Amino acid sequence: MRKLTSSLIVLSLLAFLISAAAALRAENRGVEHGQRYDRLVIRNVVVIDGKGTPARGPMDIVVEGNKIAAVRGANARPDAYKNEKHVLDGTGMYLLPGLINSHVHLQDERAGIPQPFEYEYKVWLSCGITTIRDVGSDAKKALVERRKSQEGTIVAPRLYIYMVAGGATPEEGRKAVRAIKEQGGDGVKIFGMDRDIMEAIIDESKKLGLKVAHHAAVEETDARDVAAFGVDTVEHWYGIPDAALKGSQNFPPSYNYNTESDRFRWAGRLWREADPAKLDAILAEMVERGVAWVPTFSTYEACRDMTRARNLPWFKEYLHPALEEYFKPSQARHGAFSWGWSTEDEIAWKDNYKIWMKAVRDFADKGGLVGAADDAGFIYTLYGFTYLSELELLQEAGFHPIDVIQCATGNNAKLMGLENELGRVRQGFLADLILIDENPLANLKYLYPTGVLDIKDGKDVIRGGIKWTIKDGIVYNTPKLIEDVKNMVSKARAERKSP
């Protein structure tokens, strides 16, 4: 009898919870696309935070202006928010911090063909990206775009602008850094360079409080110099396996680094030549010196399967004709090296990825900070979509989906020095959030604007796709954003065909 009573109590409690959840399902109230509110309540969501912890919920999130005012357990009373003017019902939905893309380039043309910034911005937001770190573009234009984004006069993610510094001498390098500071740059981007110039640029950047992102190349400097001088982030991966070689890479006599096909073909053989013991020591030194790594696996994914890369499903509706033209093989364009690409090249790159991914995983296991980015606009990579591919590749590299989300949010905020304001669902943080009606921890593909094709009751259905993107407290209906992108592409294609 006691067991029966207990069972009845459990059933009654379950019925109450189901009833309460049903009661919480209410119409969204007073929420319009492109608006920010003095106070917005997001009800009854499951939160996946950017700190590497499991999902929790149901929760209520209160946003006031452009900041998160409260994160608390969901109020089960049906009339809890009846007096609120602006309410988003999140029952059955998952809420994440806005994704951060830590390596992008603002591009308003490709292959000499105009391509509006609006196109990039709306694709990024459609993919849940609310913050970008631009690491090399037209600085004058980028600063104007940053101001407009801050003012909320354009539909765009947050923009942080890292400007390129260089020079033929150490003093020229220091002068370039001072100019970046005077112009209001958020950080410094450097490429491969002589050791004394790199040391001067990094030293001057530290004096002025500017972080430094390093895109290494086949140069005198490698990851040992990066660690010694105090670079903040290593972009991509050049410089790391180079530092673990026994001498130089085994280049053929005909190799020319400035020939794109040579550069990318032989890059696909570099990791295999790195000495494992030396590589392990390099990774340990990077971790000890606090150097973060932004691997951008997705940037080079085409090298593993060029046919697949040329025929990605989202190209049909969302690939701008300017970018499509840029992708065509050409000796004159960076990353357009795919002519004559062979089975042997793809096999080499597949091997490359195995070693590279293990190195990134080992780096993280040693305590290293790994970020997420895509460097799209080259080699068949499409803004936003390729970033989401990056998250899948991080999972392929051995990161748990919880940790993948952390790479994309909390880690990226930290490597930019923004960990006290971005990358978390936390009271006092900036209101950059995304809502999706499927669990991305179960399938990261749910984050794609195109969703996931499934079958239910014998019929095709599309599951997932981010439903709301909130940037700086401004609420965007994500399906509307991606529809805008589709229309922009359709119009641009029609104009290209017109005489």
Protein backbone atom coordinates (compact mmCIF):
# COMPACT_ATOMS: atom_id res chain seq x y z
CA MET A 1 0.00 0.00 0.00
CA ARG A 2 2.87 2.35 0.87
CA LYS A 3 4.51 1.63 -2.51
CA LEU A 4 1.23 2.35 -4.30
CA THR A 5 0.87 5.65 -2.45
CA SER A 6 4.42 6.62 -3.36
CA SER A 7 3.78 5.78 -7.00
CA LEU A 8 0.64 7.92 -7.00
CA ILE A 9 2.58 10.81 -5.50
CA VAL A 10 5.27 10.50 -8.19
CA LEU A 11 2.64 10.33 -10.95
CA SER A 12 0.84 13.33 -9.51
CA LEU A 13 4.09 15.29 -9.32
CA LEU A 14 4.93 14.34 -12.91
CA ALA A 15 1.47 15.41 -14.05
CA PHE A 16 1.93 18.72 -12.24
CA LEU A 17 5.30 19.34 -13.88
CA ILE A 18 3.90 18.53 -17.32
CA SER A 19 0.97 20.83 -16.65
CA ALA A 20 3.29 23.57 -15.44
CA ALA A 21 5.49 23.23 -18.53
CA ALA A 22 2.42 23.43 -20.74
CA ALA A 23 1.29 26.50 -18.88
CA LEU A 24 4.68 28.08 -19.43
CA ARG A 25 4.27 27.63 -23.18
CA ALA A 26 2.94 31.02 -24.13
CA GLU A 27 2.99 33.28 -27.10
CA ASN A 28 6.06 35.45 -27.49
CA ARG A 29 4.92 38.88 -26.41
CA GLY A 30 6.12 42.29 -27.50
CA VAL A 31 9.23 41.06 -29.30
CA GLU A 32 10.06 42.36 -32.76
CA HIS A 33 12.95 41.69 -35.10
CA GLY A 34 15.80 44.20 -34.76
CA GLN A 35 14.67 45.78 -31.48
CA ARG A 36 16.32 46.25 -28.08
CA TYR A 37 14.19 46.59 -24.96
CA ASP A 38 14.60 48.15 -21.54
CA ARG A 39 13.67 44.73 -20.17
CA LEU A 40 13.27 41.38 -21.91
CA VAL A 41 12.42 38.08 -20.23
CA ILE A 42 13.48 34.78 -21.86
CA ARG A 43 11.45 32.06 -20.15
CA ASN A 44 12.02 28.41 -19.41
CA VAL A 45 15.19 27.65 -21.40
CA VAL A 46 17.91 25.06 -20.95
CA VAL A 47 21.23 26.90 -20.68
CA ILE A 48 24.49 25.68 -22.21
CA ASP A 49 27.01 28.10 -20.75
CA GLY A 50 30.43 28.95 -22.14
CA LYS A 51 32.37 27.77 -19.10
CA GLY A 52 32.61 24.07 -19.93
CA THR A 53 29.82 22.80 -17.69
CA PRO A 54 26.80 20.63 -18.62
CA ALA A 55 23.43 22.06 -19.64
CA ARG A 56 21.11 23.23 -16.87
CA GLY A 57 17.49 24.26 -16.78
CA PRO A 58 14.80 25.23 -17.05
CA MET A 59 16.04 28.77 -16.45
CA ASP A 60 14.71 32.29 -16.88
CA ILE A 61 17.03 34.97 -18.28
CA VAL A 62 16.32 38.66 -17.79
CA VAL A 63 17.96 41.12 -20.17
CA GLU A 64 17.93 44.84 -19.39
CA GLY A 65 19.13 47.01 -22.25
CA ASN A 66 22.29 45.36 -23.53
CA LYS A 67 23.18 43.36 -20.40
CA ILE A 68 22.09 40.19 -18.68
CA ALA A 69 20.37 41.32 -15.48
CA ALA A 70 19.48 37.90 -14.01
CA VAL A 71 19.94 34.17 -14.58
CA ARG A 72 17.67 32.11 -12.34
CA GLY A 73 15.57 28.98 -12.07
CA ALA A 74 12.40 29.10 -14.16
CA ASN A 75 9.31 30.42 -12.39
CA ALA A 76 6.64 27.72 -12.78
CA ARG A 77 3.68 30.02 -12.06
CA PRO A 78 1.63 30.52 -15.25
CA ASP A 79 1.13 34.21 -14.43
CA ALA A 80 4.71 34.87 -13.34
CA TYR A 81 5.41 37.33 -16.12
CA LYS A 82 1.94 38.50 -17.04
CA ASN A 83 2.88 42.14 -16.46
CA GLU A 84 6.06 41.96 -18.57
CA LYS A 85 5.81 43.74 -21.91
CA HIS A 86 8.54 41.80 -23.73
CA VAL A 87 8.74 38.03 -23.32
CA LEU A 88 10.36 35.27 -25.36
CA ASP A 89 9.03 31.82 -24.54
CA GLY A 90 11.91 29.35 -24.60
CA THR A 91 10.12 26.18 -23.54
CA GLY A 92 11.88 23.25 -25.18
CA MET A 93 14.70 25.52 -26.40
CA TYR A 94 18.41 25.75 -25.63
CA LEU A 95 20.13 29.05 -24.90
CA LEU A 96 23.86 29.60 -25.46
CA PRO A 97 26.18 32.59 -25.32
CA GLY A 98 26.56 34.25 -28.70
CA LEU A 99 29.32 32.51 -30.65
CA ILE A 100 32.62 34.35 -31.16
CA ASN A 101 34.62 34.01 -34.37
CA SER A 102 38.20 34.89 -33.52
CA HIS A 103 39.73 34.99 -37.01
CA VAL A 104 37.89 36.74 -39.83
CA HIS A 105 38.49 39.32 -42.54
CA LEU A 106 35.96 42.00 -43.45
CA GLN A 107 35.56 41.72 -47.22
CA ASP A 108 33.50 44.09 -49.36
CA GLU A 109 34.78 42.61 -52.62
CA ARG A 110 36.02 39.30 -53.93
CA ALA A 111 37.87 38.85 -57.23
CA GLY A 112 37.33 42.56 -57.89
CA ILE A 113 33.53 42.17 -57.65
CA PRO A 114 31.62 44.15 -54.98
CA GLN A 115 30.23 42.13 -52.09
CA PRO A 116 28.40 44.11 -49.38
CA PHE A 117 29.49 43.90 -45.75
CA GLU A 118 25.80 43.33 -44.99
CA TYR A 119 26.08 39.91 -46.64
CA GLU A 120 28.86 38.80 -44.29
CA TYR A 121 27.18 40.26 -41.24
CA LYS A 122 23.84 38.59 -41.80
CA VAL A 123 25.38 35.20 -42.54
CA TRP A 124 27.43 35.43 -39.35
CA LEU A 125 24.42 36.39 -37.23
CA SER A 126 22.33 33.64 -38.87
CA CYS A 127 24.96 31.17 -37.70
CA GLY A 128 24.83 32.53 -34.14
CA ILE A 129 28.06 34.56 -34.38
CA THR A 130 27.61 37.76 -32.39
CA THR A 131 31.28 38.80 -32.08
CA ILE A 132 34.14 38.74 -34.57
CA ARG A 133 37.83 39.51 -34.35
CA ASP A 134 38.94 40.97 -37.66
CA VAL A 135 42.62 40.17 -38.13
CA GLY A 136 43.53 42.07 -41.25
CA SER A 137 41.39 44.07 -43.67
CA ASP A 138 41.06 47.65 -44.86
CA ALA A 139 41.61 49.31 -41.47
CA LYS A 140 39.91 52.59 -42.38
CA LYS A 141 36.74 50.84 -43.53
CA ALA A 142 36.84 48.39 -40.62
CA LEU A 143 36.96 51.15 -38.01
CA VAL A 144 33.94 52.84 -39.59
CA GLU A 145 32.05 49.53 -39.54
CA ARG A 146 33.03 48.98 -35.90
CA ARG A 147 31.58 52.34 -34.92
CA LYS A 148 28.32 51.65 -36.74
CA SER A 149 28.03 48.25 -35.06
CA GLN A 150 28.64 49.81 -31.63
CA GLU A 151 25.97 52.41 -32.31
CA GLY A 152 23.52 49.76 -33.49
CA THR A 153 22.91 51.53 -36.80
CA ILE A 154 23.73 48.40 -38.82
CA VAL A 155 22.76 44.75 -38.42
CA ALA A 156 26.15 43.30 -37.55
CA PRO A 157 28.09 41.38 -34.92
CA ARG A 158 30.41 43.14 -32.49
CA LEU A 159 33.62 44.03 -34.32
CA TYR A 160 37.10 43.98 -32.82
CA ILE A 161 39.76 45.22 -35.22
CA TYR A 162 43.33 43.89 -35.18
CA MET A 163 45.56 45.81 -37.62
CA VAL A 164 48.61 44.48 -39.40
CA ALA A 165 52.02 45.64 -38.16
CA GLY A 166 55.30 45.13 -39.96
CA GLY A 167 58.38 46.93 -41.15
CA ALA A 168 61.87 46.46 -42.54
CA THR A 169 63.55 47.31 -39.21
CA PRO A 170 62.69 46.95 -35.52
CA GLU A 171 62.03 50.67 -35.22
CA GLU A 172 59.68 50.62 -38.20
CA GLY A 173 57.83 47.79 -36.47
CA ARG A 174 57.49 49.79 -33.26
CA LYS A 175 56.27 52.79 -35.24
CA ALA A 176 53.61 50.63 -36.93
CA VAL A 177 52.34 49.48 -33.53
CA ARG A 178 52.14 53.03 -32.22
CA ALA A 179 50.13 54.00 -35.32
CA ILE A 180 47.67 51.16 -34.62
CA LYS A 181 47.20 52.40 -31.07
CA GLU A 182 46.64 55.98 -32.27
CA GLN A 183 44.03 54.84 -34.80
CA GLY A 184 42.09 52.98 -32.12
CA GLY A 185 42.91 49.42 -33.12
CA ASP A 186 41.91 46.65 -30.70
CA GLY A 187 45.02 44.57 -31.35
CA VAL A 188 47.94 43.77 -33.63
CA LYS A 189 48.24 41.14 -36.36
CA ILE A 190 51.67 39.99 -37.51
CA PHE A 191 52.83 37.58 -40.18
CA GLY A 192 56.13 35.72 -40.41
CA MET A 193 59.09 38.06 -40.07
CA ASP A 194 62.70 38.31 -38.95
CA ARG A 195 63.27 37.62 -35.29
CA ASP A 196 64.49 41.05 -34.21
CA ILE A 197 61.52 42.80 -35.87
CA MET A 198 59.04 40.41 -34.27
CA GLU A 199 60.57 40.96 -30.85
CA ALA A 200 60.31 44.74 -31.22
CA ILE A 201 56.68 44.66 -32.40
CA ILE A 202 55.55 42.39 -29.59
CA ASP A 203 57.44 44.42 -27.00
CA GLU A 204 55.88 47.68 -28.21
CA SER A 205 52.43 46.06 -28.29
CA LYS A 206 52.76 44.94 -24.69
CA LYS A 207 53.81 48.42 -23.61
CA LEU A 208 50.68 49.84 -25.25
CA GLY A 209 48.31 47.13 -23.97
CA LEU A 210 47.58 45.59 -27.38
CA LYS A 211 47.21 41.85 -27.88
CA VAL A 212 49.11 40.23 -30.75
CA ALA A 213 47.82 37.56 -33.14
CA HIS A 214 50.50 35.77 -35.13
CA HIS A 215 50.00 34.17 -38.54
CA ALA A 216 53.27 32.33 -38.91
CA ALA A 217 54.80 31.43 -42.24
CA VAL A 218 57.91 29.67 -43.46
CA GLU A 219 60.17 32.28 -41.93
CA GLU A 220 63.05 32.69 -39.52
CA THR A 221 60.59 32.85 -36.63
CA ASP A 222 58.60 29.86 -35.38
CA ALA A 223 56.68 28.76 -32.29
CA ARG A 224 59.78 28.97 -30.09
CA ASP A 225 60.02 32.69 -30.82
CA VAL A 226 56.26 33.07 -30.39
CA ALA A 227 56.52 31.60 -26.91
CA ALA A 228 59.68 33.51 -25.96
CA PHE A 229 58.43 36.93 -27.06
CA GLY A 230 54.90 36.58 -25.67
CA VAL A 231 52.56 36.45 -28.68
CA ASP A 232 48.99 36.10 -27.45
CA THR A 233 47.61 33.78 -30.14
CA VAL A 234 48.95 31.54 -32.87
CA GLU A 235 46.66 31.53 -35.91
CA HIS A 236 46.32 28.40 -38.04
CA TRP A 237 49.35 26.18 -37.43
CA TYR A 238 52.45 27.17 -39.38
CA GLY A 239 55.35 27.74 -37.02
CA ILE A 240 54.44 24.91 -34.64
CA PRO A 241 55.44 21.79 -36.61
CA ASP A 242 58.24 23.87 -38.18
CA ALA A 243 59.78 24.28 -34.73
CA ALA A 244 59.79 20.48 -34.31
CA LEU A 245 61.62 19.68 -37.55
CA LYS A 246 65.10 18.22 -37.71
CA GLY A 247 66.41 20.99 -39.92
CA SER A 248 64.28 22.22 -42.81
CA GLN A 249 61.20 20.60 -44.28
CA ASN A 250 62.02 18.24 -47.15
CA PHE A 251 61.06 20.64 -49.93
CA PRO A 252 61.80 19.68 -53.56
CA PRO A 253 64.35 21.89 -55.35
CA SER A 254 61.56 23.47 -57.43
CA TYR A 255 59.58 24.64 -54.38
CA ASN A 256 58.64 28.35 -54.32
CA TYR A 257 56.75 29.57 -51.25
CA ASN A 258 55.16 32.41 -53.22
CA THR A 259 53.55 29.92 -55.61
CA GLU A 260 50.22 29.08 -54.03
CA SER A 261 50.03 25.53 -55.36
CA ASP A 262 53.51 24.77 -53.96
CA ARG A 263 52.71 26.36 -50.64
CA PHE A 264 49.50 24.43 -49.96
CA ARG A 265 50.60 21.15 -51.50
CA TRP A 266 53.70 20.90 -49.35
CA ALA A 267 51.99 22.27 -46.26
CA GLY A 268 50.02 19.03 -46.42
CA ARG A 269 53.20 17.09 -45.72
CA LEU A 270 54.63 19.22 -42.93
CA TRP A 271 53.15 17.62 -39.81
CA ARG A 272 54.45 14.18 -40.80
CA GLU A 273 58.01 15.50 -40.67
CA ALA A 274 57.72 16.98 -37.16
CA ASP A 275 59.59 15.08 -34.46
CA PRO A 276 56.98 13.94 -31.86
CA ALA A 277 59.24 14.55 -28.86
CA LYS A 278 60.22 18.03 -30.02
CA LEU A 279 56.61 18.83 -30.85
CA ASP A 280 55.49 17.83 -27.37
CA ALA A 281 58.11 20.14 -25.87
CA ILE A 282 57.02 23.04 -28.10
CA LEU A 283 53.39 22.59 -27.05
CA ALA A 284 54.37 22.52 -23.39
CA GLU A 285 56.36 25.73 -23.76
CA MET A 286 53.44 27.47 -25.48
CA VAL A 287 51.16 26.49 -22.62
CA GLU A 288 53.68 27.62 -20.01
CA ARG A 289 54.03 31.02 -21.70
CA GLY A 290 50.26 31.50 -22.03
CA VAL A 291 50.07 31.38 -25.83
CA ALA A 292 46.58 30.51 -27.10
CA TRP A 293 45.97 28.55 -30.31
CA VAL A 294 43.30 29.30 -32.94
CA PRO A 295 43.77 26.30 -35.29
CA THR A 296 41.13 27.09 -37.97
CA PHE A 297 40.79 23.45 -39.06
CA SER A 298 37.96 24.44 -41.39
CA THR A 299 40.11 26.85 -43.41
CA TYR A 300 42.00 23.98 -45.03
CA GLU A 301 39.27 21.31 -45.02
CA ALA A 302 38.92 21.48 -48.81
CA CYS A 303 42.43 20.03 -49.07
CA ARG A 304 41.09 16.73 -47.73
CA ASP A 305 38.34 16.47 -50.36
CA MET A 306 38.29 19.16 -53.05
CA THR A 307 35.22 17.74 -54.85
CA ARG A 308 33.12 17.90 -51.69
CA ALA A 309 34.35 21.43 -50.94
CA ARG A 310 33.27 22.68 -54.37
CA ASN A 311 29.75 21.31 -53.93
CA LEU A 312 28.70 22.19 -50.39
CA PRO A 313 24.89 22.20 -50.11
CA TRP A 314 24.60 25.75 -48.77
CA PHE A 315 26.36 27.18 -51.83
CA LYS A 316 23.15 26.74 -53.84
CA GLU A 317 21.27 29.55 -52.08
CA TYR A 318 23.80 31.44 -49.97
CA LEU A 319 27.05 31.73 -51.96
CA HIS A 320 27.50 35.27 -53.24
CA PRO A 321 28.62 35.39 -56.90
CA ALA A 322 31.64 37.52 -55.99
CA LEU A 323 32.86 34.84 -53.62
CA GLU A 324 32.01 32.12 -56.14
CA GLU A 325 34.22 33.86 -58.68
CA TYR A 326 37.05 34.21 -56.15
CA PHE A 327 37.04 30.47 -55.49
CA LYS A 328 37.83 29.58 -59.11
CA PRO A 329 41.42 28.32 -59.57
CA SER A 330 43.79 31.20 -60.23
CA GLN A 331 47.48 31.85 -59.78
CA ALA A 332 46.65 35.48 -58.98
CA ARG A 333 44.45 34.93 -55.89
CA HIS A 334 45.38 33.72 -52.42
CA GLY A 335 43.97 30.29 -51.67
CA ALA A 336 42.73 29.66 -55.23
CA PHE A 337 45.30 26.90 -55.72
CA SER A 338 43.06 23.91 -56.45
CA TRP A 339 44.01 23.22 -60.07
CA GLY A 340 45.58 19.81 -60.61
CA TRP A 341 44.80 18.77 -57.03
CA SER A 342 45.49 15.04 -56.77
CA THR A 343 44.41 12.00 -54.79
CA GLU A 344 47.92 11.94 -53.34
CA ASP A 345 47.52 15.55 -52.16
CA GLU A 346 44.26 14.71 -50.41
CA ILE A 347 45.72 11.63 -48.74
CA ALA A 348 48.66 13.70 -47.47
CA TRP A 349 46.28 16.29 -46.04
CA LYS A 350 44.16 13.61 -44.36
CA ASP A 351 47.31 12.35 -42.65
CA ASN A 352 48.19 15.96 -41.83
CA TYR A 353 44.86 16.44 -40.07
CA LYS A 354 45.31 13.36 -37.89
CA ILE A 355 48.61 14.65 -36.50
CA TRP A 356 47.48 18.28 -36.35
CA MET A 357 44.26 17.41 -34.50
CA LYS A 358 46.17 15.27 -32.02
CA ALA A 359 48.57 18.18 -31.41
CA VAL A 360 45.67 20.57 -30.68
CA ARG A 361 44.08 18.00 -28.38
CA ASP A 362 47.42 17.45 -26.59
CA PHE A 363 47.86 21.21 -26.28
CA ALA A 364 44.45 21.51 -24.61
CA ASP A 365 45.17 18.54 -22.33
CA LYS A 366 48.32 20.32 -21.15
CA GLY A 367 46.20 23.33 -20.18
CA GLY A 368 46.44 25.32 -23.41
CA LEU A 369 43.66 27.67 -24.50
CA VAL A 370 42.06 26.69 -27.82
CA GLY A 371 39.79 29.06 -29.74
CA ALA A 372 37.40 28.61 -32.65
CA ALA A 373 37.50 30.49 -35.97
CA ASP A 374 37.27 29.90 -39.70
CA ASP A 375 39.14 32.56 -41.76
CA ALA A 376 36.39 32.26 -44.38
CA GLY A 377 36.36 33.77 -47.85
CA PHE A 378 39.14 31.54 -49.19
CA ILE A 379 39.39 27.93 -50.46
CA TYR A 380 35.64 27.27 -50.73
CA THR A 381 34.88 28.53 -47.23
CA LEU A 382 31.66 30.47 -46.63
CA TYR A 383 31.29 32.92 -43.75
CA GLY A 384 29.43 31.48 -40.77
CA PHE A 385 28.76 28.07 -42.28
CA THR A 386 32.46 27.27 -42.25
CA TYR A 387 32.67 28.44 -38.64
CA LEU A 388 30.05 25.85 -37.72
CA SER A 389 32.11 23.29 -39.62
CA GLU A 390 35.01 24.33 -37.39
CA LEU A 391 32.99 23.31 -34.34
CA GLU A 392 32.38 19.90 -35.89
CA LEU A 393 36.09 19.54 -36.64
CA LEU A 394 36.95 20.36 -33.03
CA GLN A 395 34.68 17.49 -32.04
CA GLU A 396 36.47 15.28 -34.58
CA ALA A 397 39.74 16.31 -32.91
CA GLY A 398 38.47 14.81 -29.66
CA PHE A 399 36.78 17.72 -27.88
CA HIS A 400 33.50 16.96 -26.12
CA PRO A 401 30.63 19.09 -27.50
CA ILE A 402 30.51 20.93 -24.15
CA ASP A 403 34.17 21.84 -24.62
CA VAL A 404 33.57 22.76 -28.26
CA ILE A 405 30.97 25.32 -27.15
CA GLN A 406 33.49 26.62 -24.61
CA CYS A 407 36.12 27.04 -27.37
CA ALA A 408 33.56 29.03 -29.37
CA THR A 409 32.47 31.26 -26.48
CA GLY A 410 34.36 31.47 -23.18
CA ASN A 411 37.77 30.56 -24.63
CA ASN A 412 37.48 33.01 -27.51
CA ALA A 413 36.44 35.76 -25.10
CA LYS A 414 39.46 35.00 -22.91
CA LEU A 415 42.03 35.02 -25.71
CA MET A 416 40.70 38.46 -26.69
CA GLY A 417 40.85 39.70 -23.09
CA LEU A 418 37.04 39.95 -22.90
CA GLU A 419 36.36 37.12 -20.44
CA ASN A 420 34.73 39.48 -17.92
CA GLU A 421 32.05 40.67 -20.33
CA LEU A 422 31.49 38.14 -23.12
CA GLY A 423 31.26 34.41 -23.71
CA ARG A 424 29.04 33.45 -20.76
CA VAL A 425 25.38 33.41 -19.77
CA ARG A 426 26.02 35.31 -16.58
CA GLN A 427 24.57 38.26 -14.70
CA GLY A 428 26.33 41.50 -15.66
CA PHE A 429 27.66 40.16 -18.95
CA LEU A 430 26.75 41.68 -22.29
CA ALA A 431 23.53 40.28 -23.74
CA ASP A 432 24.87 38.22 -26.65
CA LEU A 433 22.75 35.06 -26.78
CA ILE A 434 21.33 32.50 -29.20
CA LEU A 435 18.26 30.26 -28.93
CA ILE A 436 17.77 26.99 -30.76
CA ASP A 437 14.93 24.48 -30.51
CA GLU A 438 17.17 21.39 -30.64
CA ASN A 439 20.05 20.28 -28.42
CA PRO A 440 23.37 21.18 -30.12
CA LEU A 441 25.25 18.93 -27.69
CA ALA A 442 23.46 16.01 -29.31
CA ASN A 443 24.27 17.23 -32.83
CA LEU A 444 26.29 20.34 -33.63
CA LYS A 445 24.67 20.35 -37.08
CA TYR A 446 21.52 21.75 -35.44
CA LEU A 447 23.32 25.10 -35.34
CA TYR A 448 23.39 25.44 -39.14
CA PRO A 449 20.76 27.83 -40.56
CA THR A 450 19.78 25.05 -42.97
CA GLY A 451 19.01 22.72 -40.06
CA VAL A 452 19.13 18.93 -40.23
CA LEU A 453 17.04 16.80 -42.57
CA ASP A 454 15.15 14.11 -40.65
CA ILE A 455 12.13 11.84 -41.16
CA LYS A 456 9.08 11.95 -38.92
CA ASP A 457 5.94 9.90 -39.55
CA GLY A 458 7.29 9.03 -42.97
CA LYS A 459 7.75 12.66 -43.99
CA ASP A 460 10.84 14.81 -44.43
CA VAL A 461 11.26 17.40 -41.70
CA ILE A 462 13.94 20.01 -40.97
CA ARG A 463 15.12 20.12 -37.36
CA GLY A 464 17.23 22.83 -35.78
CA GLY A 465 18.52 26.09 -37.08
CA ILE A 466 19.00 28.97 -34.64
CA LYS A 467 15.69 30.74 -34.08
CA TRP A 468 16.81 33.90 -32.27
CA THR A 469 20.15 35.70 -32.21
CA ILE A 470 20.56 38.45 -29.62
CA LYS A 471 23.52 40.80 -30.05
CA ASP A 472 24.08 43.61 -27.55
CA GLY A 473 20.48 43.17 -26.41
CA ILE A 474 19.11 43.58 -29.96
CA VAL A 475 16.81 40.68 -30.83
CA TYR A 476 17.03 39.23 -34.34
CA ASN A 477 14.72 36.64 -35.83
CA THR A 478 17.35 34.37 -37.34
CA PRO A 479 15.23 32.79 -40.11
CA LYS A 480 14.51 36.33 -41.35
CA LEU A 481 18.24 37.11 -41.44
CA ILE A 482 19.08 34.05 -43.52
CA GLU A 483 16.15 34.80 -45.83
CA ASP A 484 17.65 38.27 -46.35
CA VAL A 485 20.95 36.59 -47.29
CA LYS A 486 19.18 34.33 -49.77
CA ASN A 487 17.51 37.34 -51.39
CA MET A 488 20.79 39.28 -51.57
CA VAL A 489 22.47 36.36 -53.32
CA SER A 490 19.58 35.88 -55.73
CA LYS A 491 19.60 39.57 -56.65
CA ALA A 492 23.40 39.67 -57.09
CA ARG A 493 23.29 36.62 -59.35
CA ALA A 494 20.56 38.18 -61.49
CA GLU A 495 22.57 41.38 -61.81
CA ARG A 496 25.68 39.42 -62.85
CA LYS A 497 23.70 37.75 -65.65
CA SER A 498 22.22 41.01 -66.90
CA PRO A 499 24.01 42.62 -69.90
